[in-house]
Amino acid sequence: MENQSPRLADLVTILYRPRETIRRILDAGRHRWSIEVVVLAFVCASVNDIDAQRLGEGLPDLKVLPLIAIVGLSIVIGAASWVIALFILSWIVTPIGRLLGGTGSTRDVRAALGWGMVPVAWSFIYRLPIVVLMSHYQIGPRQNPRELVVQFLSHGGCSIVVLFFALQSLFALGCIALGSFTVAEAQGFSTQKGFVNLAISLVLPLMVFFAAVFTFRH
């Protein structure tokens, strides 16, 4: 079969045919778009975090070009941190998968983890409307915090917060579910083992961290 690079359509098909799509991507050769997908996911996840207007109000003496440079640099640094996290996680997932009977290479697992972030890339669907809604709440530098909270709640702000965190949780679960499928295909075992592989890999660093903190404090 002739090797082909991933297609933009794979950002959709990965959601409902995950194992078939990731298998075709893994067989595509060198270009698997795993880093590109992670960068795209970071940018989409940052839609509601980047507020150049309020940054400009906080730094009134800053000109337009330096302001754009600061925003651009923050995006580059944030995206780079996500890519580094992808590499670190792939180095954890791969050997744990081997203990479960997996046969995937670190490169295959990295691609599977990267494509498992596709739900985050689609999160702009709800982030953009929330940004538009939140733009109606004008926060002045000298505004009373109590008045701000009252204004926010009186205009349905509580519902917006609940909806936002509900969607955040839903998309996070979507990443775990999709990652279970893609990692399982990369490792060559069942989806259930893929979930176990991913869950252990996510929990293990936290366990090591808390164990180190506990040991240090005692």
N, C-alpha and C. Protein backbone atom coordinates (compact mmCIF):
# COMPACT_ATOMS: atom_id res chain seq x y z
N MET A 1 0.84 -1.19 0.00
CA MET A 1 0.00 0.00 0.00
C MET A 1 0.88 1.24 0.00
N GLU A 2 0.52 2.22 -0.80
CA GLU A 2 1.31 3.44 -0.91
C GLU A 2 1.12 4.29 0.34
N ASN A 3 2.23 4.75 0.90
CA ASN A 3 2.16 5.57 2.09
C ASN A 3 1.62 6.95 1.75
N GLN A 4 0.71 7.45 2.57
CA GLN A 4 0.14 8.76 2.39
C GLN A 4 0.16 9.48 3.72
N SER A 5 0.32 10.81 3.65
CA SER A 5 0.28 11.61 4.87
C SER A 5 -1.15 11.67 5.39
N PRO A 6 -1.31 11.96 6.68
CA PRO A 6 -2.67 12.13 7.21
C PRO A 6 -3.41 13.24 6.47
N ARG A 7 -4.73 13.19 6.53
CA ARG A 7 -5.57 14.19 5.87
C ARG A 7 -6.32 15.00 6.92
N LEU A 8 -6.79 16.17 6.51
CA LEU A 8 -7.59 16.98 7.43
C LEU A 8 -8.86 16.23 7.85
N ALA A 9 -9.36 15.39 6.95
CA ALA A 9 -10.56 14.61 7.27
C ALA A 9 -10.33 13.66 8.44
N ASP A 10 -9.06 13.33 8.70
CA ASP A 10 -8.76 12.43 9.82
C ASP A 10 -9.10 13.07 11.16
N LEU A 11 -9.14 14.40 11.21
CA LEU A 11 -9.54 15.08 12.44
C LEU A 11 -11.00 14.81 12.78
N VAL A 12 -11.76 14.37 11.79
CA VAL A 12 -13.17 14.01 12.00
C VAL A 12 -13.32 12.50 12.16
N THR A 13 -12.70 11.75 11.25
CA THR A 13 -12.88 10.29 11.28
C THR A 13 -12.27 9.65 12.53
N ILE A 14 -11.26 10.31 13.12
CA ILE A 14 -10.65 9.76 14.33
C ILE A 14 -11.65 9.71 15.48
N LEU A 15 -12.71 10.53 15.39
CA LEU A 15 -13.70 10.60 16.46
C LEU A 15 -14.68 9.43 16.44
N TYR A 16 -14.96 8.89 15.24
CA TYR A 16 -15.93 7.79 15.18
C TYR A 16 -15.36 6.50 14.59
N ARG A 17 -14.14 6.56 14.03
CA ARG A 17 -13.43 5.34 13.62
C ARG A 17 -11.99 5.44 14.10
N PRO A 18 -11.80 5.47 15.42
CA PRO A 18 -10.47 5.78 15.96
C PRO A 18 -9.39 4.77 15.60
N ARG A 19 -9.67 3.49 15.75
CA ARG A 19 -8.63 2.49 15.52
C ARG A 19 -8.29 2.39 14.04
N GLU A 20 -9.30 2.43 13.20
CA GLU A 20 -9.04 2.36 11.77
C GLU A 20 -8.25 3.58 11.29
N THR A 21 -8.63 4.76 11.80
CA THR A 21 -7.96 5.99 11.38
C THR A 21 -6.52 6.03 11.86
N ILE A 22 -6.29 5.71 13.14
CA ILE A 22 -4.92 5.78 13.66
C ILE A 22 -4.04 4.72 13.03
N ARG A 23 -4.61 3.57 12.65
CA ARG A 23 -3.82 2.55 11.98
C ARG A 23 -3.33 3.05 10.63
N ARG A 24 -4.21 3.72 9.90
CA ARG A 24 -3.81 4.27 8.60
C ARG A 24 -2.75 5.35 8.78
N ILE A 25 -2.88 6.14 9.85
CA ILE A 25 -1.90 7.19 10.12
C ILE A 25 -0.55 6.57 10.49
N LEU A 26 -0.57 5.53 11.31
CA LEU A 26 0.68 4.87 11.71
C LEU A 26 1.37 4.22 10.53
N ASP A 27 0.58 3.77 9.55
CA ASP A 27 1.15 3.14 8.36
C ASP A 27 1.54 4.16 7.30
N ALA A 28 1.33 5.45 7.59
CA ALA A 28 1.53 6.48 6.57
C ALA A 28 3.01 6.82 6.37
N GLY A 29 3.87 6.42 7.29
CA GLY A 29 5.28 6.74 7.14
C GLY A 29 5.74 7.77 8.16
N ARG A 30 6.61 8.66 7.76
CA ARG A 30 7.24 9.59 8.68
C ARG A 30 6.29 10.69 9.14
N HIS A 31 5.47 11.19 8.24
CA HIS A 31 4.62 12.35 8.56
C HIS A 31 3.31 11.87 9.16
N ARG A 32 3.19 12.07 10.49
CA ARG A 32 2.00 11.59 11.19
C ARG A 32 1.21 12.71 11.85
N TRP A 33 1.73 13.91 11.83
CA TRP A 33 1.05 15.11 12.32
C TRP A 33 0.79 15.07 13.83
N SER A 34 1.47 14.24 14.58
CA SER A 34 1.19 14.16 16.01
C SER A 34 1.52 15.47 16.72
N ILE A 35 2.67 16.06 16.40
CA ILE A 35 3.05 17.34 17.01
C ILE A 35 2.12 18.44 16.53
N GLU A 36 1.77 18.42 15.24
CA GLU A 36 0.88 19.45 14.70
C GLU A 36 -0.48 19.41 15.38
N VAL A 37 -0.99 18.20 15.64
CA VAL A 37 -2.29 18.07 16.29
C VAL A 37 -2.23 18.60 17.72
N VAL A 38 -1.14 18.34 18.43
CA VAL A 38 -0.99 18.82 19.80
C VAL A 38 -0.91 20.35 19.82
N VAL A 39 -0.16 20.93 18.89
CA VAL A 39 -0.08 22.40 18.81
C VAL A 39 -1.45 22.99 18.51
N LEU A 40 -2.17 22.37 17.57
CA LEU A 40 -3.53 22.83 17.25
C LEU A 40 -4.43 22.74 18.48
N ALA A 41 -4.31 21.65 19.22
CA ALA A 41 -5.11 21.47 20.44
C ALA A 41 -4.81 22.57 21.45
N PHE A 42 -3.52 22.91 21.60
CA PHE A 42 -3.16 23.97 22.55
C PHE A 42 -3.76 25.30 22.13
N VAL A 43 -3.64 25.64 20.86
CA VAL A 43 -4.17 26.92 20.37
C VAL A 43 -5.67 26.99 20.60
N CYS A 44 -6.39 25.90 20.29
CA CYS A 44 -7.84 25.88 20.48
C CYS A 44 -8.20 25.94 21.96
N ALA A 45 -7.39 25.31 22.81
CA ALA A 45 -7.65 25.34 24.25
C ALA A 45 -7.35 26.70 24.85
N SER A 46 -6.60 27.53 24.14
CA SER A 46 -6.22 28.85 24.65
C SER A 46 -7.12 29.96 24.14
N VAL A 47 -8.17 29.59 23.40
CA VAL A 47 -9.05 30.61 22.81
C VAL A 47 -9.62 31.52 23.88
N ASN A 48 -10.05 30.96 25.00
CA ASN A 48 -10.68 31.77 26.04
C ASN A 48 -9.67 32.33 27.04
N ASP A 49 -8.39 32.04 26.86
CA ASP A 49 -7.36 32.54 27.78
C ASP A 49 -6.65 33.78 27.24
N ILE A 50 -6.63 33.94 25.93
CA ILE A 50 -5.91 35.05 25.31
C ILE A 50 -6.83 36.25 25.21
N ASP A 51 -6.52 37.30 25.92
CA ASP A 51 -7.32 38.53 25.88
C ASP A 51 -6.37 39.70 25.70
N ALA A 52 -6.05 39.98 24.46
CA ALA A 52 -5.08 41.03 24.16
C ALA A 52 -5.59 42.40 24.58
N GLN A 53 -6.92 42.59 24.52
CA GLN A 53 -7.49 43.88 24.88
C GLN A 53 -7.23 44.20 26.34
N ARG A 54 -7.50 43.23 27.23
CA ARG A 54 -7.29 43.48 28.65
C ARG A 54 -5.81 43.53 28.99
N LEU A 55 -5.00 42.79 28.24
CA LEU A 55 -3.56 42.90 28.44
C LEU A 55 -3.09 44.30 28.09
N GLY A 56 -3.65 44.86 27.03
CA GLY A 56 -3.32 46.22 26.65
C GLY A 56 -3.77 47.23 27.68
N GLU A 57 -4.94 46.98 28.32
CA GLU A 57 -5.41 47.88 29.36
C GLU A 57 -4.52 47.80 30.59
N GLY A 58 -4.01 46.61 30.88
CA GLY A 58 -3.13 46.44 32.03
C GLY A 58 -1.75 47.03 31.79
N LEU A 59 -1.35 47.09 30.51
CA LEU A 59 -0.06 47.68 30.14
C LEU A 59 -0.31 48.78 29.12
N PRO A 60 -0.83 49.92 29.56
CA PRO A 60 -1.25 50.96 28.62
C PRO A 60 -0.11 51.57 27.81
N ASP A 61 1.11 51.50 28.34
CA ASP A 61 2.24 52.10 27.63
C ASP A 61 2.82 51.18 26.57
N LEU A 62 2.29 49.98 26.47
CA LEU A 62 2.83 49.01 25.53
C LEU A 62 2.22 49.23 24.15
N LYS A 63 3.07 49.26 23.13
CA LYS A 63 2.59 49.48 21.77
C LYS A 63 2.06 48.17 21.17
N VAL A 64 1.47 48.30 19.97
CA VAL A 64 0.77 47.17 19.36
C VAL A 64 1.72 46.02 19.04
N LEU A 65 2.83 46.32 18.39
CA LEU A 65 3.75 45.26 17.97
C LEU A 65 4.34 44.50 19.15
N PRO A 66 4.84 45.18 20.20
CA PRO A 66 5.31 44.42 21.36
C PRO A 66 4.20 43.60 22.01
N LEU A 67 2.97 44.12 21.99
CA LEU A 67 1.84 43.39 22.56
C LEU A 67 1.59 42.10 21.78
N ILE A 68 1.62 42.21 20.46
CA ILE A 68 1.45 41.03 19.61
C ILE A 68 2.58 40.04 19.84
N ALA A 69 3.80 40.57 20.02
CA ALA A 69 4.96 39.70 20.26
C ALA A 69 4.82 38.94 21.57
N ILE A 70 4.30 39.60 22.61
CA ILE A 70 4.10 38.94 23.90
C ILE A 70 3.08 37.82 23.79
N VAL A 71 1.96 38.12 23.11
CA VAL A 71 0.92 37.10 22.93
C VAL A 71 1.46 35.93 22.12
N GLY A 72 2.18 36.26 21.03
CA GLY A 72 2.74 35.20 20.18
C GLY A 72 3.75 34.35 20.92
N LEU A 73 4.59 35.00 21.73
CA LEU A 73 5.60 34.26 22.50
C LEU A 73 4.94 33.34 23.53
N SER A 74 3.88 33.83 24.16
CA SER A 74 3.18 32.99 25.15
C SER A 74 2.57 31.77 24.48
N ILE A 75 2.06 31.93 23.25
CA ILE A 75 1.49 30.80 22.51
C ILE A 75 2.58 29.79 22.17
N VAL A 76 3.74 30.30 21.71
CA VAL A 76 4.85 29.41 21.34
C VAL A 76 5.34 28.63 22.55
N ILE A 77 5.52 29.32 23.69
CA ILE A 77 6.00 28.64 24.90
C ILE A 77 4.99 27.61 25.38
N GLY A 78 3.71 27.99 25.37
CA GLY A 78 2.68 27.05 25.80
C GLY A 78 2.60 25.83 24.91
N ALA A 79 2.65 26.04 23.60
CA ALA A 79 2.60 24.92 22.66
C ALA A 79 3.81 24.02 22.83
N ALA A 80 4.98 24.63 23.04
CA ALA A 80 6.20 23.84 23.24
C ALA A 80 6.10 22.98 24.51
N SER A 81 5.49 23.52 25.55
CA SER A 81 5.34 22.75 26.79
C SER A 81 4.41 21.55 26.58
N TRP A 82 3.39 21.72 25.76
CA TRP A 82 2.49 20.60 25.46
C TRP A 82 3.22 19.53 24.65
N VAL A 83 4.06 19.95 23.71
CA VAL A 83 4.81 18.99 22.90
C VAL A 83 5.81 18.22 23.77
N ILE A 84 6.48 18.93 24.68
CA ILE A 84 7.40 18.27 25.60
C ILE A 84 6.66 17.25 26.47
N ALA A 85 5.47 17.65 26.94
CA ALA A 85 4.65 16.72 27.74
C ALA A 85 4.27 15.49 26.92
N LEU A 86 4.01 15.68 25.63
CA LEU A 86 3.68 14.55 24.75
C LEU A 86 4.84 13.56 24.70
N PHE A 87 6.06 14.06 24.53
CA PHE A 87 7.23 13.18 24.47
C PHE A 87 7.43 12.45 25.80
N ILE A 88 7.31 13.18 26.91
CA ILE A 88 7.50 12.56 28.23
C ILE A 88 6.46 11.47 28.47
N LEU A 89 5.20 11.77 28.13
CA LEU A 89 4.14 10.79 28.35
C LEU A 89 4.33 9.55 27.48
N SER A 90 4.82 9.75 26.25
CA SER A 90 5.05 8.59 25.38
C SER A 90 6.15 7.70 25.93
N TRP A 91 7.15 8.30 26.60
CA TRP A 91 8.21 7.50 27.21
C TRP A 91 7.71 6.73 28.43
N ILE A 92 6.61 7.16 29.01
CA ILE A 92 6.01 6.45 30.14
C ILE A 92 5.05 5.37 29.66
N VAL A 93 4.22 5.74 28.67
CA VAL A 93 3.18 4.83 28.19
C VAL A 93 3.78 3.60 27.52
N THR A 94 4.84 3.79 26.75
CA THR A 94 5.40 2.68 25.97
C THR A 94 5.88 1.51 26.83
N PRO A 95 6.75 1.72 27.83
CA PRO A 95 7.19 0.56 28.63
C PRO A 95 6.07 -0.05 29.48
N ILE A 96 5.13 0.78 29.94
CA ILE A 96 4.01 0.22 30.70
C ILE A 96 3.17 -0.66 29.79
N GLY A 97 3.00 -0.23 28.54
CA GLY A 97 2.27 -1.06 27.57
C GLY A 97 2.98 -2.37 27.30
N ARG A 98 4.32 -2.34 27.30
CA ARG A 98 5.08 -3.58 27.09
C ARG A 98 4.79 -4.59 28.20
N LEU A 99 4.63 -4.08 29.43
CA LEU A 99 4.32 -4.97 30.55
C LEU A 99 2.93 -5.59 30.40
N LEU A 100 2.07 -4.91 29.64
CA LEU A 100 0.71 -5.43 29.41
C LEU A 100 0.63 -6.27 28.14
N GLY A 101 1.77 -6.47 27.49
CA GLY A 101 1.80 -7.28 26.28
C GLY A 101 1.78 -6.48 24.99
N GLY A 102 2.00 -5.17 25.09
CA GLY A 102 2.01 -4.32 23.90
C GLY A 102 3.30 -4.45 23.12
N THR A 103 3.22 -4.10 21.84
CA THR A 103 4.39 -4.21 20.96
C THR A 103 4.70 -2.90 20.24
N GLY A 104 4.02 -1.83 20.59
CA GLY A 104 4.19 -0.56 19.88
C GLY A 104 5.51 0.12 20.20
N SER A 105 6.05 0.81 19.22
CA SER A 105 7.27 1.59 19.43
C SER A 105 6.91 2.92 20.09
N THR A 106 7.91 3.59 20.64
CA THR A 106 7.68 4.88 21.27
C THR A 106 7.12 5.88 20.26
N ARG A 107 7.60 5.81 19.03
CA ARG A 107 7.13 6.73 17.99
C ARG A 107 5.66 6.48 17.67
N ASP A 108 5.26 5.21 17.59
CA ASP A 108 3.85 4.90 17.33
C ASP A 108 2.97 5.36 18.48
N VAL A 109 3.42 5.12 19.70
CA VAL A 109 2.64 5.52 20.87
C VAL A 109 2.53 7.04 20.94
N ARG A 110 3.61 7.73 20.60
CA ARG A 110 3.58 9.20 20.60
C ARG A 110 2.54 9.72 19.61
N ALA A 111 2.50 9.11 18.43
CA ALA A 111 1.49 9.52 17.44
C ALA A 111 0.09 9.24 17.95
N ALA A 112 -0.09 8.09 18.60
CA ALA A 112 -1.41 7.74 19.14
C ALA A 112 -1.84 8.72 20.21
N LEU A 113 -0.92 9.11 21.08
CA LEU A 113 -1.24 10.08 22.13
C LEU A 113 -1.55 11.45 21.54
N GLY A 114 -0.77 11.84 20.52
CA GLY A 114 -1.02 13.13 19.89
C GLY A 114 -2.40 13.21 19.27
N TRP A 115 -2.77 12.18 18.54
CA TRP A 115 -4.10 12.15 17.91
C TRP A 115 -5.21 11.96 18.94
N GLY A 116 -4.87 11.49 20.11
CA GLY A 116 -5.86 11.40 21.18
C GLY A 116 -6.28 12.75 21.71
N MET A 117 -5.56 13.82 21.33
CA MET A 117 -5.89 15.18 21.76
C MET A 117 -6.85 15.88 20.81
N VAL A 118 -7.32 15.19 19.80
CA VAL A 118 -8.22 15.81 18.81
C VAL A 118 -9.46 16.43 19.45
N PRO A 119 -10.10 15.81 20.47
CA PRO A 119 -11.25 16.47 21.09
C PRO A 119 -10.94 17.88 21.59
N VAL A 120 -9.73 18.10 22.09
CA VAL A 120 -9.35 19.44 22.54
C VAL A 120 -9.29 20.40 21.36
N ALA A 121 -8.84 19.89 20.21
CA ALA A 121 -8.79 20.73 19.01
C ALA A 121 -10.18 21.17 18.58
N TRP A 122 -11.18 20.36 18.87
CA TRP A 122 -12.57 20.71 18.53
C TRP A 122 -13.24 21.52 19.63
N SER A 123 -12.55 21.79 20.73
CA SER A 123 -13.18 22.50 21.84
C SER A 123 -13.48 23.95 21.53
N PHE A 124 -12.94 24.47 20.42
CA PHE A 124 -13.27 25.86 20.06
C PHE A 124 -14.76 26.01 19.78
N ILE A 125 -15.45 24.89 19.53
CA ILE A 125 -16.89 24.92 19.24
C ILE A 125 -17.65 25.53 20.41
N TYR A 126 -17.22 25.27 21.63
CA TYR A 126 -17.89 25.88 22.77
C TYR A 126 -17.08 27.02 23.40
N ARG A 127 -15.79 27.05 23.15
CA ARG A 127 -14.98 28.11 23.73
C ARG A 127 -15.26 29.47 23.09
N LEU A 128 -15.40 29.50 21.78
CA LEU A 128 -15.66 30.78 21.10
C LEU A 128 -16.97 31.43 21.56
N PRO A 129 -18.10 30.69 21.60
CA PRO A 129 -19.33 31.32 22.10
C PRO A 129 -19.19 31.84 23.53
N ILE A 130 -18.45 31.10 24.38
CA ILE A 130 -18.27 31.55 25.76
C ILE A 130 -17.43 32.83 25.80
N VAL A 131 -16.43 32.92 24.93
CA VAL A 131 -15.63 34.14 24.84
C VAL A 131 -16.51 35.32 24.46
N VAL A 132 -17.42 35.10 23.50
CA VAL A 132 -18.33 36.17 23.07
C VAL A 132 -19.24 36.59 24.22
N LEU A 133 -19.77 35.60 24.96
CA LEU A 133 -20.64 35.92 26.09
C LEU A 133 -19.89 36.67 27.18
N MET A 134 -18.68 36.23 27.48
CA MET A 134 -17.90 36.87 28.55
C MET A 134 -17.43 38.26 28.16
N SER A 135 -17.38 38.55 26.87
CA SER A 135 -16.94 39.89 26.43
C SER A 135 -17.94 40.97 26.82
N HIS A 136 -19.17 40.56 27.16
CA HIS A 136 -20.18 41.54 27.56
C HIS A 136 -19.98 42.00 29.00
N TYR A 137 -19.15 41.28 29.75
CA TYR A 137 -18.88 41.67 31.12
C TYR A 137 -17.63 42.55 31.14
N GLN A 138 -17.81 43.82 31.28
CA GLN A 138 -16.70 44.76 31.27
C GLN A 138 -16.09 44.84 32.67
N ILE A 139 -14.83 44.50 32.77
CA ILE A 139 -14.13 44.53 34.05
C ILE A 139 -13.15 45.69 34.05
N GLY A 140 -13.48 46.71 34.81
CA GLY A 140 -12.62 47.87 34.89
C GLY A 140 -11.52 47.67 35.91
N PRO A 141 -10.42 48.43 35.81
CA PRO A 141 -9.30 48.25 36.74
C PRO A 141 -9.65 48.61 38.17
N ARG A 142 -10.67 49.50 38.35
CA ARG A 142 -11.04 49.94 39.70
C ARG A 142 -12.43 49.45 40.10
N GLN A 143 -12.93 48.47 39.42
CA GLN A 143 -14.28 47.99 39.70
C GLN A 143 -14.31 47.20 40.99
N ASN A 144 -15.36 47.43 41.79
CA ASN A 144 -15.53 46.74 43.06
C ASN A 144 -15.76 45.25 42.81
N PRO A 145 -14.99 44.37 43.44
CA PRO A 145 -15.16 42.93 43.20
C PRO A 145 -16.57 42.44 43.53
N ARG A 146 -17.18 43.00 44.58
CA ARG A 146 -18.53 42.58 44.95
C ARG A 146 -19.53 42.96 43.87
N GLU A 147 -19.40 44.18 43.35
CA GLU A 147 -20.29 44.61 42.27
C GLU A 147 -20.09 43.76 41.03
N LEU A 148 -18.85 43.38 40.78
CA LEU A 148 -18.55 42.55 39.62
C LEU A 148 -19.21 41.18 39.74
N VAL A 149 -19.15 40.58 40.93
CA VAL A 149 -19.77 39.26 41.15
C VAL A 149 -21.28 39.35 41.01
N VAL A 150 -21.88 40.41 41.59
CA VAL A 150 -23.33 40.58 41.49
C VAL A 150 -23.75 40.76 40.04
N GLN A 151 -23.00 41.56 39.30
CA GLN A 151 -23.31 41.77 37.89
C GLN A 151 -23.19 40.47 37.10
N PHE A 152 -22.16 39.71 37.41
CA PHE A 152 -21.93 38.45 36.70
C PHE A 152 -23.06 37.46 36.96
N LEU A 153 -23.45 37.30 38.22
CA LEU A 153 -24.50 36.34 38.57
C LEU A 153 -25.87 36.78 38.08
N SER A 154 -26.13 38.09 38.10
CA SER A 154 -27.44 38.59 37.68
C SER A 154 -27.66 38.46 36.19
N HIS A 155 -26.61 38.29 35.43
CA HIS A 155 -26.72 38.14 33.98
C HIS A 155 -26.50 36.69 33.53
N GLY A 156 -26.75 35.74 34.43
CA GLY A 156 -26.63 34.33 34.06
C GLY A 156 -25.22 33.80 34.07
N GLY A 157 -24.33 34.47 34.78
CA GLY A 157 -22.93 34.03 34.80
C GLY A 157 -22.73 32.67 35.42
N CYS A 158 -23.55 32.34 36.42
CA CYS A 158 -23.42 31.04 37.08
C CYS A 158 -23.69 29.90 36.10
N SER A 159 -24.71 30.09 35.27
CA SER A 159 -25.04 29.07 34.26
C SER A 159 -23.90 28.89 33.27
N ILE A 160 -23.25 30.01 32.91
CA ILE A 160 -22.14 29.95 31.97
C ILE A 160 -20.98 29.15 32.57
N VAL A 161 -20.69 29.41 33.85
CA VAL A 161 -19.59 28.71 34.52
C VAL A 161 -19.87 27.21 34.60
N VAL A 162 -21.11 26.85 34.99
CA VAL A 162 -21.48 25.44 35.09
C VAL A 162 -21.39 24.76 33.73
N LEU A 163 -21.90 25.44 32.70
CA LEU A 163 -21.86 24.88 31.35
C LEU A 163 -20.42 24.71 30.88
N PHE A 164 -19.57 25.69 31.17
CA PHE A 164 -18.18 25.64 30.74
C PHE A 164 -17.46 24.44 31.36
N PHE A 165 -17.60 24.27 32.68
CA PHE A 165 -16.90 23.17 33.34
C PHE A 165 -17.48 21.82 32.96
N ALA A 166 -18.79 21.78 32.68
CA ALA A 166 -19.39 20.53 32.22
C ALA A 166 -18.82 20.13 30.86
N LEU A 167 -18.69 21.09 29.96
CA LEU A 167 -18.12 20.81 28.64
C LEU A 167 -16.64 20.48 28.74
N GLN A 168 -15.93 21.16 29.64
CA GLN A 168 -14.52 20.85 29.87
C GLN A 168 -14.36 19.40 30.30
N SER A 169 -15.19 18.97 31.24
CA SER A 169 -15.12 17.59 31.73
C SER A 169 -15.47 16.60 30.63
N LEU A 170 -16.49 16.93 29.83
CA LEU A 170 -16.91 16.04 28.75
C LEU A 170 -15.80 15.86 27.72
N PHE A 171 -15.14 16.95 27.35
CA PHE A 171 -14.08 16.86 26.35
C PHE A 171 -12.84 16.18 26.93
N ALA A 172 -12.58 16.35 28.23
CA ALA A 172 -11.45 15.65 28.87
C ALA A 172 -11.69 14.15 28.87
N LEU A 173 -12.92 13.74 29.18
CA LEU A 173 -13.26 12.32 29.12
C LEU A 173 -13.17 11.80 27.69
N GLY A 174 -13.52 12.67 26.73
CA GLY A 174 -13.40 12.29 25.33
C GLY A 174 -11.95 12.02 24.94
N CYS A 175 -11.02 12.81 25.47
CA CYS A 175 -9.59 12.59 25.19
C CYS A 175 -9.13 11.26 25.78
N ILE A 176 -9.59 10.94 26.99
CA ILE A 176 -9.20 9.68 27.61
C ILE A 176 -9.76 8.50 26.83
N ALA A 177 -11.03 8.62 26.42
CA ALA A 177 -11.64 7.54 25.65
C ALA A 177 -10.95 7.35 24.31
N LEU A 178 -10.73 8.46 23.60
CA LEU A 178 -10.08 8.38 22.30
C LEU A 178 -8.65 7.88 22.44
N GLY A 179 -7.94 8.36 23.47
CA GLY A 179 -6.58 7.90 23.71
C GLY A 179 -6.50 6.42 24.00
N SER A 180 -7.54 5.88 24.65
CA SER A 180 -7.57 4.44 24.91
C SER A 180 -7.62 3.65 23.61
N PHE A 181 -8.43 4.14 22.65
CA PHE A 181 -8.52 3.47 21.35
C PHE A 181 -7.21 3.58 20.58
N THR A 182 -6.65 4.79 20.51
CA THR A 182 -5.46 5.00 19.69
C THR A 182 -4.23 4.31 20.27
N VAL A 183 -4.07 4.39 21.59
CA VAL A 183 -2.93 3.71 22.24
C VAL A 183 -3.07 2.20 22.09
N ALA A 184 -4.29 1.69 22.21
CA ALA A 184 -4.51 0.25 22.05
C ALA A 184 -4.11 -0.21 20.66
N GLU A 185 -4.46 0.58 19.65
CA GLU A 185 -4.10 0.21 18.28
C GLU A 185 -2.59 0.27 18.08
N ALA A 186 -1.95 1.29 18.65
CA ALA A 186 -0.49 1.41 18.51
C ALA A 186 0.23 0.27 19.22
N GLN A 187 -0.31 -0.15 20.36
CA GLN A 187 0.33 -1.22 21.14
C GLN A 187 -0.06 -2.61 20.66
N GLY A 188 -1.15 -2.71 19.90
CA GLY A 188 -1.56 -4.00 19.37
C GLY A 188 -2.32 -4.86 20.35
N PHE A 189 -3.07 -4.22 21.27
CA PHE A 189 -3.92 -5.01 22.15
C PHE A 189 -5.32 -4.40 22.24
N SER A 190 -6.13 -4.90 23.17
CA SER A 190 -7.54 -4.50 23.24
C SER A 190 -7.69 -3.07 23.75
N THR A 191 -8.86 -2.50 23.48
CA THR A 191 -9.14 -1.14 23.93
C THR A 191 -9.15 -1.06 25.45
N GLN A 192 -9.62 -2.12 26.11
CA GLN A 192 -9.62 -2.15 27.57
C GLN A 192 -8.19 -2.04 28.11
N LYS A 193 -7.27 -2.76 27.50
CA LYS A 193 -5.87 -2.65 27.91
C LYS A 193 -5.32 -1.27 27.57
N GLY A 194 -5.81 -0.69 26.48
CA GLY A 194 -5.38 0.66 26.13
C GLY A 194 -5.77 1.66 27.20
N PHE A 195 -6.97 1.50 27.75
CA PHE A 195 -7.41 2.38 28.84
C PHE A 195 -6.55 2.17 30.08
N VAL A 196 -6.28 0.91 30.42
CA VAL A 196 -5.44 0.61 31.59
C VAL A 196 -4.04 1.18 31.39
N ASN A 197 -3.50 1.01 30.21
CA ASN A 197 -2.17 1.54 29.88
C ASN A 197 -2.12 3.05 30.07
N LEU A 198 -3.14 3.73 29.56
CA LEU A 198 -3.19 5.19 29.65
C LEU A 198 -3.43 5.64 31.09
N ALA A 199 -4.34 4.96 31.79
CA ALA A 199 -4.67 5.36 33.16
C ALA A 199 -3.46 5.22 34.08
N ILE A 200 -2.76 4.09 33.99
CA ILE A 200 -1.58 3.89 34.83
C ILE A 200 -0.52 4.94 34.52
N SER A 201 -0.35 5.25 33.25
CA SER A 201 0.68 6.21 32.84
C SER A 201 0.36 7.62 33.33
N LEU A 202 -0.92 7.95 33.45
CA LEU A 202 -1.31 9.27 33.94
C LEU A 202 -1.22 9.36 35.47
N VAL A 203 -1.54 8.24 36.13
CA VAL A 203 -1.56 8.24 37.60
C VAL A 203 -0.16 8.06 38.18
N LEU A 204 0.69 7.29 37.50
CA LEU A 204 2.01 6.96 38.03
C LEU A 204 2.85 8.19 38.37
N PRO A 205 2.97 9.19 37.48
CA PRO A 205 3.77 10.37 37.85
C PRO A 205 3.23 11.09 39.08
N LEU A 206 1.89 11.12 39.23
CA LEU A 206 1.30 11.75 40.41
C LEU A 206 1.65 10.98 41.67
N MET A 207 1.62 9.65 41.58
CA MET A 207 1.97 8.82 42.73
C MET A 207 3.43 9.03 43.13
N VAL A 208 4.30 9.09 42.13
CA VAL A 208 5.73 9.32 42.41
C VAL A 208 5.93 10.69 43.05
N PHE A 209 5.22 11.70 42.54
CA PHE A 209 5.35 13.06 43.07
C PHE A 209 4.90 13.12 44.53
N PHE A 210 3.71 12.57 44.81
CA PHE A 210 3.20 12.62 46.18
C PHE A 210 4.05 11.76 47.12
N ALA A 211 4.59 10.65 46.62
CA ALA A 211 5.47 9.83 47.45
C ALA A 211 6.75 10.59 47.79
N ALA A 212 7.28 11.33 46.80
CA ALA A 212 8.49 12.12 47.04
C ALA A 212 8.22 13.23 48.04
N VAL A 213 7.07 13.89 47.91
CA VAL A 213 6.71 14.96 48.85
C VAL A 213 6.54 14.40 50.26
N PHE A 214 5.86 13.25 50.35
CA PHE A 214 5.64 12.62 51.66
C PHE A 214 6.97 12.23 52.29
N THR A 215 7.87 11.65 51.50
CA THR A 215 9.18 11.24 52.01
C THR A 215 10.00 12.44 52.45
N PHE A 216 9.94 13.52 51.67
CA PHE A 216 10.71 14.72 51.99
C PHE A 216 10.22 15.36 53.29
N ARG A 217 8.90 15.37 53.48
CA ARG A 217 8.33 16.01 54.67
C ARG A 217 8.58 15.18 55.93
N HIS A 218 8.82 13.88 55.77
CA HIS A 218 9.05 13.03 56.94
C HIS A 218 10.51 12.58 57.03
